[in-house]
Amino acid sequence: MKNIAILCIFLLACMTVSPSPVILRCKCINTRPIVRVSFIVSVQVHDPRPYCNKQEVIVTMRNRKTFCLDPTQDFTQQILRRTQRRRQKMNNVGLTAPTGPPTVSS
């Protein structure tokens, strides 16, 4: 009985200390077919999960607003391809051997 009471107190303490609750539902209820590309700061892709059976594409704009894009639209597919290309470029840059000044041997 004593162990159950300690466990309950521990669980309550964990729940109150937790900074944010876990939301187990789709984040995108309404989607937009298009947004202004030049204002996009970041793109997040959430694949289907047990609590949300659809892919979600969330863009953050310069003014810090977030919008959900329809992943079936051509516009969104283009954004995703661009994002993937940029990430591949960034990864390739980190994988190349550093080029420094040539060493002279005597």
PDB file of N, CA and C in Angstrom:
ATOM      1  N   MET A   1       0.820  -1.199   0.000  1.00  0.00           N
ATOM      2  CA  MET A   1       0.000   0.000   0.000  1.00  0.00           C
ATOM      3  C   MET A   1       0.863   1.262   0.000  1.00  0.00           C
ATOM      4  N   LYS A   2       1.947   1.187   0.777  1.00  0.00           N
ATOM      5  CA  LYS A   2       2.832   2.325   0.867  1.00  0.00           C
ATOM      6  C   LYS A   2       3.491   2.613  -0.485  1.00  0.00           C
ATOM      7  N   ASN A   3       3.863   1.541  -1.219  1.00  0.00           N
ATOM      8  CA  ASN A   3       4.502   1.711  -2.523  1.00  0.00           C
ATOM      9  C   ASN A   3       3.557   2.356  -3.524  1.00  0.00           C
ATOM     10  N   ILE A   4       2.286   2.021  -3.473  1.00  0.00           N
ATOM     11  CA  ILE A   4       1.298   2.599  -4.382  1.00  0.00           C
ATOM     12  C   ILE A   4       1.152   4.095  -4.122  1.00  0.00           C
ATOM     13  N   ALA A   5       1.142   4.471  -2.858  1.00  0.00           N
ATOM     14  CA  ALA A   5       1.025   5.884  -2.506  1.00  0.00           C
ATOM     15  C   ALA A   5       2.242   6.664  -3.006  1.00  0.00           C
ATOM     16  N   ILE A   6       3.423   6.091  -2.850  1.00  0.00           N
ATOM     17  CA  ILE A   6       4.645   6.757  -3.311  1.00  0.00           C
ATOM     18  C   ILE A   6       4.623   6.874  -4.833  1.00  0.00           C
ATOM     19  N   LEU A   7       4.178   5.826  -5.507  1.00  0.00           N
ATOM     20  CA  LEU A   7       4.098   5.853  -6.963  1.00  0.00           C
ATOM     21  C   LEU A   7       3.116   6.924  -7.443  1.00  0.00           C
ATOM     22  N   CYS A   8       1.973   7.036  -6.786  1.00  0.00           N
ATOM     23  CA  CYS A   8       0.989   8.062  -7.147  1.00  0.00           C
ATOM     24  C   CYS A   8       1.552   9.468  -6.955  1.00  0.00           C
ATOM     25  N   ILE A   9       2.231   9.683  -5.864  1.00  0.00           N
ATOM     26  CA  ILE A   9       2.836  10.994  -5.597  1.00  0.00           C
ATOM     27  C   ILE A   9       3.890  11.301  -6.650  1.00  0.00           C
ATOM     28  N   PHE A  10       4.694  10.311  -7.010  1.00  0.00           N
ATOM     29  CA  PHE A  10       5.722  10.498  -8.028  1.00  0.00           C
ATOM     30  C   PHE A  10       5.098  10.847  -9.374  1.00  0.00           C
ATOM     31  N   LEU A  11       4.053  10.146  -9.767  1.00  0.00           N
ATOM     32  CA  LEU A  11       3.388  10.421 -11.034  1.00  0.00           C
ATOM     33  C   LEU A  11       2.761  11.815 -11.054  1.00  0.00           C
ATOM     34  N   LEU A  12       2.136  12.215  -9.959  1.00  0.00           N
ATOM     35  CA  LEU A  12       1.566  13.560  -9.882  1.00  0.00           C
ATOM     36  C   LEU A  12       2.656  14.623  -9.983  1.00  0.00           C
ATOM     37  N   ALA A  13       3.790  14.369  -9.353  1.00  0.00           N
ATOM     38  CA  ALA A  13       4.898  15.332  -9.425  1.00  0.00           C
ATOM     39  C   ALA A  13       5.412  15.437 -10.860  1.00  0.00           C
ATOM     40  N   CYS A  14       5.523  14.312 -11.548  1.00  0.00           N
ATOM     41  CA  CYS A  14       5.978  14.332 -12.943  1.00  0.00           C
ATOM     42  C   CYS A  14       4.997  15.093 -13.820  1.00  0.00           C
ATOM     43  N   MET A  15       3.714  14.932 -13.587  1.00  0.00           N
ATOM     44  CA  MET A  15       2.718  15.619 -14.400  1.00  0.00           C
ATOM     45  C   MET A  15       2.764  17.127 -14.188  1.00  0.00           C
ATOM     46  N   THR A  16       3.026  17.568 -12.989  1.00  0.00           N
ATOM     47  CA  THR A  16       3.055  19.006 -12.730  1.00  0.00           C
ATOM     48  C   THR A  16       4.350  19.635 -13.214  1.00  0.00           C
ATOM     49  N   VAL A  17       5.446  18.886 -13.258  1.00  0.00           N
ATOM     50  CA  VAL A  17       6.727  19.410 -13.685  1.00  0.00           C
ATOM     51  C   VAL A  17       6.827  19.449 -15.205  1.00  0.00           C
ATOM     52  N   SER A  18       6.097  18.611 -15.888  1.00  0.00           N
ATOM     53  CA  SER A  18       6.161  18.529 -17.351  1.00  0.00           C
ATOM     54  C   SER A  18       5.868  19.893 -17.966  1.00  0.00           C
ATOM     55  N   PRO A  19       6.758  20.399 -18.862  1.00  0.00           N
ATOM     56  CA  PRO A  19       6.596  21.746 -19.412  1.00  0.00           C
ATOM     57  C   PRO A  19       5.422  21.883 -20.377  1.00  0.00           C
ATOM     58  N   SER A  20       5.100  20.836 -21.115  1.00  0.00           N
ATOM     59  CA  SER A  20       3.991  20.943 -22.054  1.00  0.00           C
ATOM     60  C   SER A  20       3.293  19.594 -22.191  1.00  0.00           C
ATOM     61  N   PRO A  21       1.998  19.625 -22.320  1.00  0.00           N
ATOM     62  CA  PRO A  21       1.282  18.367 -22.478  1.00  0.00           C
ATOM     63  C   PRO A  21       1.485  17.805 -23.884  1.00  0.00           C
ATOM     64  N   VAL A  22       1.420  16.523 -23.992  1.00  0.00           N
ATOM     65  CA  VAL A  22       1.544  15.875 -25.287  1.00  0.00           C
ATOM     66  C   VAL A  22       0.169  15.900 -25.949  1.00  0.00           C
ATOM     67  N   ILE A  23       0.133  16.424 -27.164  1.00  0.00           N
ATOM     68  CA  ILE A  23      -1.125  16.502 -27.899  1.00  0.00           C
ATOM     69  C   ILE A  23      -1.144  15.358 -28.900  1.00  0.00           C
ATOM     70  N   LEU A  24      -2.040  14.440 -28.697  1.00  0.00           N
ATOM     71  CA  LEU A  24      -2.111  13.273 -29.552  1.00  0.00           C
ATOM     72  C   LEU A  24      -3.266  13.414 -30.539  1.00  0.00           C
ATOM     73  N   ARG A  25      -3.090  14.315 -31.484  1.00  0.00           N
ATOM     74  CA  ARG A  25      -4.069  14.494 -32.557  1.00  0.00           C
ATOM     75  C   ARG A  25      -3.363  15.181 -33.719  1.00  0.00           C
ATOM     76  N   CYS A  26      -4.040  15.243 -34.834  1.00  0.00           N
ATOM     77  CA  CYS A  26      -3.454  15.921 -35.998  1.00  0.00           C
ATOM     78  C   CYS A  26      -3.271  17.403 -35.698  1.00  0.00           C
ATOM     79  N   LYS A  27      -2.179  17.957 -36.170  1.00  0.00           N
ATOM     80  CA  LYS A  27      -1.917  19.379 -35.967  1.00  0.00           C
ATOM     81  C   LYS A  27      -2.580  20.219 -37.043  1.00  0.00           C
ATOM     82  N   CYS A  28      -2.749  19.644 -38.231  1.00  0.00           N
ATOM     83  CA  CYS A  28      -3.312  20.386 -39.357  1.00  0.00           C
ATOM     84  C   CYS A  28      -4.781  20.028 -39.553  1.00  0.00           C
ATOM     85  N   ILE A  29      -5.635  20.938 -39.169  1.00  0.00           N
ATOM     86  CA  ILE A  29      -7.064  20.731 -39.385  1.00  0.00           C
ATOM     87  C   ILE A  29      -7.461  21.394 -40.701  1.00  0.00           C
ATOM     88  N   ASN A  30      -6.980  22.607 -40.906  1.00  0.00           N
ATOM     89  CA  ASN A  30      -7.216  23.321 -42.169  1.00  0.00           C
ATOM     90  C   ASN A  30      -5.894  23.459 -42.907  1.00  0.00           C
ATOM     91  N   THR A  31      -5.932  23.290 -44.218  1.00  0.00           N
ATOM     92  CA  THR A  31      -4.715  23.433 -45.012  1.00  0.00           C
ATOM     93  C   THR A  31      -4.889  24.525 -46.054  1.00  0.00           C
ATOM     94  N   ARG A  32      -3.765  25.047 -46.490  1.00  0.00           N
ATOM     95  CA  ARG A  32      -3.754  26.053 -47.548  1.00  0.00           C
ATOM     96  C   ARG A  32      -3.164  25.416 -48.799  1.00  0.00           C
ATOM     97  N   PRO A  33      -3.653  25.799 -49.943  1.00  0.00           N
ATOM     98  CA  PRO A  33      -3.078  25.244 -51.163  1.00  0.00           C
ATOM     99  C   PRO A  33      -1.738  25.887 -51.529  1.00  0.00           C
ATOM    100  N   ILE A  34      -1.525  27.133 -51.070  1.00  0.00           N
ATOM    101  CA  ILE A  34      -0.324  27.867 -51.477  1.00  0.00           C
ATOM    102  C   ILE A  34      -0.037  28.979 -50.465  1.00  0.00           C
ATOM    103  N   VAL A  35       1.248  29.307 -50.300  1.00  0.00           N
ATOM    104  CA  VAL A  35       1.678  30.465 -49.500  1.00  0.00           C
ATOM    105  C   VAL A  35       2.795  31.149 -50.275  1.00  0.00           C
ATOM    106  N   ARG A  36       3.196  32.295 -49.833  1.00  0.00           N
ATOM    107  CA  ARG A  36       4.269  33.029 -50.514  1.00  0.00           C
ATOM    108  C   ARG A  36       5.613  32.383 -50.168  1.00  0.00           C
ATOM    109  N   VAL A  37       6.265  31.851 -51.169  1.00  0.00           N
ATOM    110  CA  VAL A  37       7.495  31.088 -50.975  1.00  0.00           C
ATOM    111  C   VAL A  37       8.599  31.929 -50.345  1.00  0.00           C
ATOM    112  N   SER A  38       8.715  33.167 -50.732  1.00  0.00           N
ATOM    113  CA  SER A  38       9.802  34.009 -50.232  1.00  0.00           C
ATOM    114  C   SER A  38       9.682  34.300 -48.732  1.00  0.00           C
ATOM    115  N   PHE A  39       8.528  34.067 -48.153  1.00  0.00           N
ATOM    116  CA  PHE A  39       8.337  34.317 -46.721  1.00  0.00           C
ATOM    117  C   PHE A  39       8.547  33.076 -45.858  1.00  0.00           C
ATOM    118  N   ILE A  40       8.771  31.919 -46.473  1.00  0.00           N
ATOM    119  CA  ILE A  40       8.938  30.677 -45.709  1.00  0.00           C
ATOM    120  C   ILE A  40      10.305  30.656 -45.045  1.00  0.00           C
ATOM    121  N   VAL A  41      10.304  30.376 -43.744  1.00  0.00           N
ATOM    122  CA  VAL A  41      11.536  30.288 -42.974  1.00  0.00           C
ATOM    123  C   VAL A  41      11.914  28.825 -42.738  1.00  0.00           C
ATOM    124  N   SER A  42      10.931  27.989 -42.420  1.00  0.00           N
ATOM    125  CA  SER A  42      11.223  26.581 -42.178  1.00  0.00           C
ATOM    126  C   SER A  42      10.042  25.714 -42.600  1.00  0.00           C
ATOM    127  N   VAL A  43      10.360  24.442 -42.861  1.00  0.00           N
ATOM    128  CA  VAL A  43       9.356  23.470 -43.277  1.00  0.00           C
ATOM    129  C   VAL A  43       9.494  22.242 -42.384  1.00  0.00           C
ATOM    130  N   GLN A  44       8.377  21.808 -41.825  1.00  0.00           N
ATOM    131  CA  GLN A  44       8.344  20.590 -41.016  1.00  0.00           C
ATOM    132  C   GLN A  44       7.402  19.598 -41.678  1.00  0.00           C
ATOM    133  N   VAL A  45       7.828  18.350 -41.737  1.00  0.00           N
ATOM    134  CA  VAL A  45       6.985  17.297 -42.299  1.00  0.00           C
ATOM    135  C   VAL A  45       6.744  16.267 -41.211  1.00  0.00           C
ATOM    136  N   HIS A  46       5.489  15.990 -40.963  1.00  0.00           N
ATOM    137  CA  HIS A  46       5.100  14.964 -39.993  1.00  0.00           C
ATOM    138  C   HIS A  46       4.445  13.832 -40.774  1.00  0.00           C
ATOM    139  N   ASP A  47       5.086  12.684 -40.764  1.00  0.00           N
ATOM    140  CA  ASP A  47       4.521  11.515 -41.432  1.00  0.00           C
ATOM    141  C   ASP A  47       3.338  10.989 -40.629  1.00  0.00           C
ATOM    142  N   PRO A  48       2.514  10.135 -41.222  1.00  0.00           N
ATOM    143  CA  PRO A  48       1.375   9.578 -40.474  1.00  0.00           C
ATOM    144  C   PRO A  48       1.847   8.891 -39.187  1.00  0.00           C
ATOM    145  N   ARG A  49       1.054   9.080 -38.153  1.00  0.00           N
ATOM    146  CA  ARG A  49       1.352   8.533 -36.834  1.00  0.00           C
ATOM    147  C   ARG A  49       0.134   7.771 -36.340  1.00  0.00           C
ATOM    148  N   PRO A  50       0.243   7.039 -35.253  1.00  0.00           N
ATOM    149  CA  PRO A  50      -0.917   6.272 -34.772  1.00  0.00           C
ATOM    150  C   PRO A  50      -2.143   7.146 -34.484  1.00  0.00           C
ATOM    151  N   TYR A  51      -1.931   8.370 -34.079  1.00  0.00           N
ATOM    152  CA  TYR A  51      -3.048   9.240 -33.725  1.00  0.00           C
ATOM    153  C   TYR A  51      -3.422  10.218 -34.842  1.00  0.00           C
ATOM    154  N   CYS A  52      -2.695  10.184 -35.960  1.00  0.00           N
ATOM    155  CA  CYS A  52      -3.011  11.034 -37.109  1.00  0.00           C
ATOM    156  C   CYS A  52      -2.618  10.276 -38.370  1.00  0.00           C
ATOM    157  N   ASN A  53      -3.587   9.912 -39.172  1.00  0.00           N
ATOM    158  CA  ASN A  53      -3.329   9.016 -40.292  1.00  0.00           C
ATOM    159  C   ASN A  53      -2.938   9.730 -41.585  1.00  0.00           C
ATOM    160  N   LYS A  54      -2.590  11.002 -41.505  1.00  0.00           N
ATOM    161  CA  LYS A  54      -2.224  11.719 -42.722  1.00  0.00           C
ATOM    162  C   LYS A  54      -0.876  12.412 -42.554  1.00  0.00           C
ATOM    163  N   GLN A  55      -0.221  12.671 -43.683  1.00  0.00           N
ATOM    164  CA  GLN A  55       1.016  13.427 -43.665  1.00  0.00           C
ATOM    165  C   GLN A  55       0.683  14.900 -43.493  1.00  0.00           C
ATOM    166  N   GLU A  56       1.479  15.580 -42.681  1.00  0.00           N
ATOM    167  CA  GLU A  56       1.250  17.008 -42.433  1.00  0.00           C
ATOM    168  C   GLU A  56       2.509  17.789 -42.808  1.00  0.00           C
ATOM    169  N   VAL A  57       2.307  18.876 -43.515  1.00  0.00           N
ATOM    170  CA  VAL A  57       3.407  19.762 -43.903  1.00  0.00           C
ATOM    171  C   VAL A  57       3.108  21.131 -43.294  1.00  0.00           C
ATOM    172  N   ILE A  58       3.982  21.557 -42.400  1.00  0.00           N
ATOM    173  CA  ILE A  58       3.780  22.818 -41.678  1.00  0.00           C
ATOM    174  C   ILE A  58       4.921  23.758 -42.021  1.00  0.00           C
ATOM    175  N   VAL A  59       4.580  24.947 -42.504  1.00  0.00           N
ATOM    176  CA  VAL A  59       5.594  25.952 -42.831  1.00  0.00           C
ATOM    177  C   VAL A  59       5.508  27.086 -41.822  1.00  0.00           C
ATOM    178  N   THR A  60       6.673  27.609 -41.472  1.00  0.00           N
ATOM    179  CA  THR A  60       6.752  28.778 -40.598  1.00  0.00           C
ATOM    180  C   THR A  60       7.181  29.949 -41.469  1.00  0.00           C
ATOM    181  N   MET A  61       6.465  31.036 -41.334  1.00  0.00           N
ATOM    182  CA  MET A  61       6.722  32.224 -42.148  1.00  0.00           C
ATOM    183  C   MET A  61       7.632  33.196 -41.387  1.00  0.00           C
ATOM    184  N   ARG A  62       8.086  34.220 -42.069  1.00  0.00           N
ATOM    185  CA  ARG A  62       8.951  35.236 -41.445  1.00  0.00           C
ATOM    186  C   ARG A  62       8.319  35.872 -40.213  1.00  0.00           C
ATOM    187  N   ASN A  63       7.011  36.081 -40.266  1.00  0.00           N
ATOM    188  CA  ASN A  63       6.327  36.728 -39.143  1.00  0.00           C
ATOM    189  C   ASN A  63       5.986  35.737 -38.032  1.00  0.00           C
ATOM    190  N   ARG A  64       6.577  34.529 -38.096  1.00  0.00           N
ATOM    191  CA  ARG A  64       6.438  33.460 -37.097  1.00  0.00           C
ATOM    192  C   ARG A  64       5.072  32.788 -37.104  1.00  0.00           C
ATOM    193  N   LYS A  65       4.237  33.083 -38.070  1.00  0.00           N
ATOM    194  CA  LYS A  65       2.971  32.373 -38.202  1.00  0.00           C
ATOM    195  C   LYS A  65       3.233  31.033 -38.870  1.00  0.00           C
ATOM    196  N   THR A  66       2.445  30.057 -38.499  1.00  0.00           N
ATOM    197  CA  THR A  66       2.585  28.743 -39.119  1.00  0.00           C
ATOM    198  C   THR A  66       1.325  28.423 -39.913  1.00  0.00           C
ATOM    199  N   PHE A  67       1.541  27.754 -41.035  1.00  0.00           N
ATOM    200  CA  PHE A  67       0.432  27.342 -41.886  1.00  0.00           C
ATOM    201  C   PHE A  67       0.637  25.893 -42.290  1.00  0.00           C
ATOM    202  N   CYS A  68      -0.448  25.200 -42.442  1.00  0.00           N
ATOM    203  CA  CYS A  68      -0.413  23.831 -42.928  1.00  0.00           C
ATOM    204  C   CYS A  68      -0.677  23.846 -44.423  1.00  0.00           C
ATOM    205  N   LEU A  69       0.152  23.112 -45.139  1.00  0.00           N
ATOM    206  CA  LEU A  69      -0.019  23.000 -46.579  1.00  0.00           C
ATOM    207  C   LEU A  69      -0.608  21.633 -46.907  1.00  0.00           C
ATOM    208  N   ASP A  70      -1.358  21.593 -47.982  1.00  0.00           N
ATOM    209  CA  ASP A  70      -1.945  20.339 -48.432  1.00  0.00           C
ATOM    210  C   ASP A  70      -0.858  19.515 -49.123  1.00  0.00           C
ATOM    211  N   PRO A  71      -0.489  18.362 -48.563  1.00  0.00           N
ATOM    212  CA  PRO A  71       0.613  17.585 -49.138  1.00  0.00           C
ATOM    213  C   PRO A  71       0.313  17.011 -50.519  1.00  0.00           C
ATOM    214  N   THR A  72      -0.935  17.012 -50.939  1.00  0.00           N
ATOM    215  CA  THR A  72      -1.274  16.473 -52.260  1.00  0.00           C
ATOM    216  C   THR A  72      -1.132  17.513 -53.366  1.00  0.00           C
ATOM    217  N   GLN A  73      -0.995  18.769 -53.031  1.00  0.00           N
ATOM    218  CA  GLN A  73      -0.880  19.844 -54.017  1.00  0.00           C
ATOM    219  C   GLN A  73       0.515  19.863 -54.645  1.00  0.00           C
ATOM    220  N   ASP A  74       0.585  20.228 -55.906  1.00  0.00           N
ATOM    221  CA  ASP A  74       1.866  20.345 -56.608  1.00  0.00           C
ATOM    222  C   ASP A  74       2.777  21.373 -55.945  1.00  0.00           C
ATOM    223  N   PHE A  75       2.184  22.470 -55.482  1.00  0.00           N
ATOM    224  CA  PHE A  75       2.964  23.517 -54.812  1.00  0.00           C
ATOM    225  C   PHE A  75       3.715  22.933 -53.617  1.00  0.00           C
ATOM    226  N   THR A  76       3.025  22.173 -52.798  1.00  0.00           N
ATOM    227  CA  THR A  76       3.643  21.589 -51.604  1.00  0.00           C
ATOM    228  C   THR A  76       4.726  20.592 -52.000  1.00  0.00           C
ATOM    229  N   GLN A  77       4.484  19.806 -53.029  1.00  0.00           N
ATOM    230  CA  GLN A  77       5.477  18.842 -53.494  1.00  0.00           C
ATOM    231  C   GLN A  77       6.753  19.564 -53.948  1.00  0.00           C
ATOM    232  N   GLN A  78       6.600  20.711 -54.599  1.00  0.00           N
ATOM    233  CA  GLN A  78       7.769  21.490 -55.020  1.00  0.00           C
ATOM    234  C   GLN A  78       8.545  22.004 -53.813  1.00  0.00           C
ATOM    235  N   ILE A  79       7.825  22.494 -52.824  1.00  0.00           N
ATOM    236  CA  ILE A  79       8.467  22.986 -51.595  1.00  0.00           C
ATOM    237  C   ILE A  79       9.248  21.849 -50.938  1.00  0.00           C
ATOM    238  N   LEU A  80       8.653  20.671 -50.872  1.00  0.00           N
ATOM    239  CA  LEU A  80       9.321  19.534 -50.243  1.00  0.00           C
ATOM    240  C   LEU A  80      10.566  19.110 -51.028  1.00  0.00           C
ATOM    241  N   ARG A  81      10.492  19.134 -52.343  1.00  0.00           N
ATOM    242  CA  ARG A  81      11.670  18.796 -53.153  1.00  0.00           C
ATOM    243  C   ARG A  81      12.795  19.811 -52.932  1.00  0.00           C
ATOM    244  N   ARG A  82      12.443  21.091 -52.897  1.00  0.00           N
ATOM    245  CA  ARG A  82      13.451  22.136 -52.645  1.00  0.00           C
ATOM    246  C   ARG A  82      14.106  21.937 -51.281  1.00  0.00           C
ATOM    247  N   THR A  83      13.286  21.679 -50.281  1.00  0.00           N
ATOM    248  CA  THR A  83      13.799  21.487 -48.924  1.00  0.00           C
ATOM    249  C   THR A  83      14.733  20.283 -48.883  1.00  0.00           C
ATOM    250  N   GLN A  84      14.349  19.208 -49.551  1.00  0.00           N
ATOM    251  CA  GLN A  84      15.178  18.006 -49.573  1.00  0.00           C
ATOM    252  C   GLN A  84      16.504  18.270 -50.281  1.00  0.00           C
ATOM    253  N   ARG A  85      16.471  19.004 -51.386  1.00  0.00           N
ATOM    254  CA  ARG A  85      17.706  19.338 -52.102  1.00  0.00           C
ATOM    255  C   ARG A  85      18.643  20.176 -51.236  1.00  0.00           C
ATOM    256  N   ARG A  86      18.072  21.137 -50.520  1.00  0.00           N
ATOM    257  CA  ARG A  86      18.894  21.989 -49.645  1.00  0.00           C
ATOM    258  C   ARG A  86      19.535  21.169 -48.541  1.00  0.00           C
ATOM    259  N   ARG A  87      18.760  20.246 -47.963  1.00  0.00           N
ATOM    260  CA  ARG A  87      19.318  19.405 -46.894  1.00  0.00           C
ATOM    261  C   ARG A  87      20.420  18.509 -47.436  1.00  0.00           C
ATOM    262  N   GLN A  88      20.243  17.980 -48.642  1.00  0.00           N
ATOM    263  CA  GLN A  88      21.281  17.149 -49.240  1.00  0.00           C
ATOM    264  C   GLN A  88      22.539  17.965 -49.504  1.00  0.00           C
ATOM    265  N   LYS A  89      22.370  19.195 -49.985  1.00  0.00           N
ATOM    266  CA  LYS A  89      23.527  20.068 -50.207  1.00  0.00           C
ATOM    267  C   LYS A  89      24.270  20.318 -48.905  1.00  0.00           C
ATOM    268  N   MET A  90      23.517  20.608 -47.854  1.00  0.00           N
ATOM    269  CA  MET A  90      24.133  20.877 -46.558  1.00  0.00           C
ATOM    270  C   MET A  90      24.878  19.646 -46.048  1.00  0.00           C
ATOM    271  N   ASN A  91      24.306  18.473 -46.238  1.00  0.00           N
ATOM    272  CA  ASN A  91      24.965  17.238 -45.807  1.00  0.00           C
ATOM    273  C   ASN A  91      26.212  16.972 -46.641  1.00  0.00           C
ATOM    274  N   ASN A  92      26.140  17.233 -47.937  1.00  0.00           N
ATOM    275  CA  ASN A  92      27.290  17.004 -48.803  1.00  0.00           C
ATOM    276  C   ASN A  92      28.428  17.959 -48.489  1.00  0.00           C
ATOM    277  N   VAL A  93      28.104  19.182 -48.114  1.00  0.00           N
ATOM    278  CA  VAL A  93      29.136  20.155 -47.768  1.00  0.00           C
ATOM    279  C   VAL A  93      29.898  19.677 -46.542  1.00  0.00           C
ATOM    280  N   GLY A  94      29.191  19.104 -45.571  1.00  0.00           N
ATOM    281  CA  GLY A  94      29.841  18.618 -44.361  1.00  0.00           C
ATOM    282  C   GLY A  94      30.660  17.370 -44.588  1.00  0.00           C
ATOM    283  N   LEU A  95      30.397  16.619 -45.671  1.00  0.00           N
ATOM    284  CA  LEU A  95      31.103  15.368 -45.922  1.00  0.00           C
ATOM    285  C   LEU A  95      32.366  15.544 -46.753  1.00  0.00           C
ATOM    286  N   THR A  96      32.544  16.667 -47.397  1.00  0.00           N
ATOM    287  CA  THR A  96      33.713  16.855 -48.250  1.00  0.00           C
ATOM    288  C   THR A  96      34.948  17.049 -47.380  1.00  0.00           C
ATOM    289  N   ALA A  97      36.070  16.609 -47.895  1.00  0.00           N
ATOM    290  CA  ALA A  97      37.329  16.733 -47.154  1.00  0.00           C
ATOM    291  C   ALA A  97      37.748  18.202 -47.144  1.00  0.00           C
ATOM    292  N   PRO A  98      38.265  18.651 -46.028  1.00  0.00           N
ATOM    293  CA  PRO A  98      38.685  20.058 -45.965  1.00  0.00           C
ATOM    294  C   PRO A  98      39.867  20.288 -46.878  1.00  0.00           C
ATOM    295  N   THR A  99      39.818  21.403 -47.542  1.00  0.00           N
ATOM    296  CA  THR A  99      40.934  21.770 -48.416  1.00  0.00           C
ATOM    297  C   THR A  99      41.677  22.921 -47.780  1.00  0.00           C
ATOM    298  N   GLY A 100      42.890  22.691 -47.500  1.00  0.00           N
ATOM    299  CA  GLY A 100      43.707  23.725 -46.875  1.00  0.00           C
ATOM    300  C   GLY A 100      44.855  24.098 -47.787  1.00  0.00           C
ATOM    301  N   PRO A 101      45.741  24.941 -47.328  1.00  0.00           N
ATOM    302  CA  PRO A 101      46.894  25.314 -48.147  1.00  0.00           C
ATOM    303  C   PRO A 101      47.799  24.094 -48.340  1.00  0.00           C
ATOM    304  N   PRO A 102      48.403  23.978 -49.504  1.00  0.00           N
ATOM    305  CA  PRO A 102      49.281  22.834 -49.752  1.00  0.00           C
ATOM    306  C   PRO A 102      50.494  22.884 -48.825  1.00  0.00           C
ATOM    307  N   THR A 103      50.899  21.690 -48.431  1.00  0.00           N
ATOM    308  CA  THR A 103      52.090  21.635 -47.565  1.00  0.00           C
ATOM    309  C   THR A 103      53.317  21.437 -48.438  1.00  0.00           C
ATOM    310  N   VAL A 104      54.405  22.047 -48.042  1.00  0.00           N
ATOM    311  CA  VAL A 104      55.652  21.963 -48.808  1.00  0.00           C
ATOM    312  C   VAL A 104      56.609  21.078 -48.016  1.00  0.00           C
ATOM    313  N   SER A 105      57.080  20.032 -48.655  1.00  0.00           N
ATOM    314  CA  SER A 105      58.048  19.173 -47.984  1.00  0.00           C
ATOM    315  C   SER A 105      59.436  19.440 -48.542  1.00  0.00           C
ATOM    316  N   SER A 106      60.449  19.390 -47.676  1.00  0.00           N
ATOM    317  CA  SER A 106      61.792  19.682 -48.156  1.00  0.00           C
ATOM    318  C   SER A 106      62.622  18.455 -48.284  1.00  0.00           C
TER     319      SER A 106
END
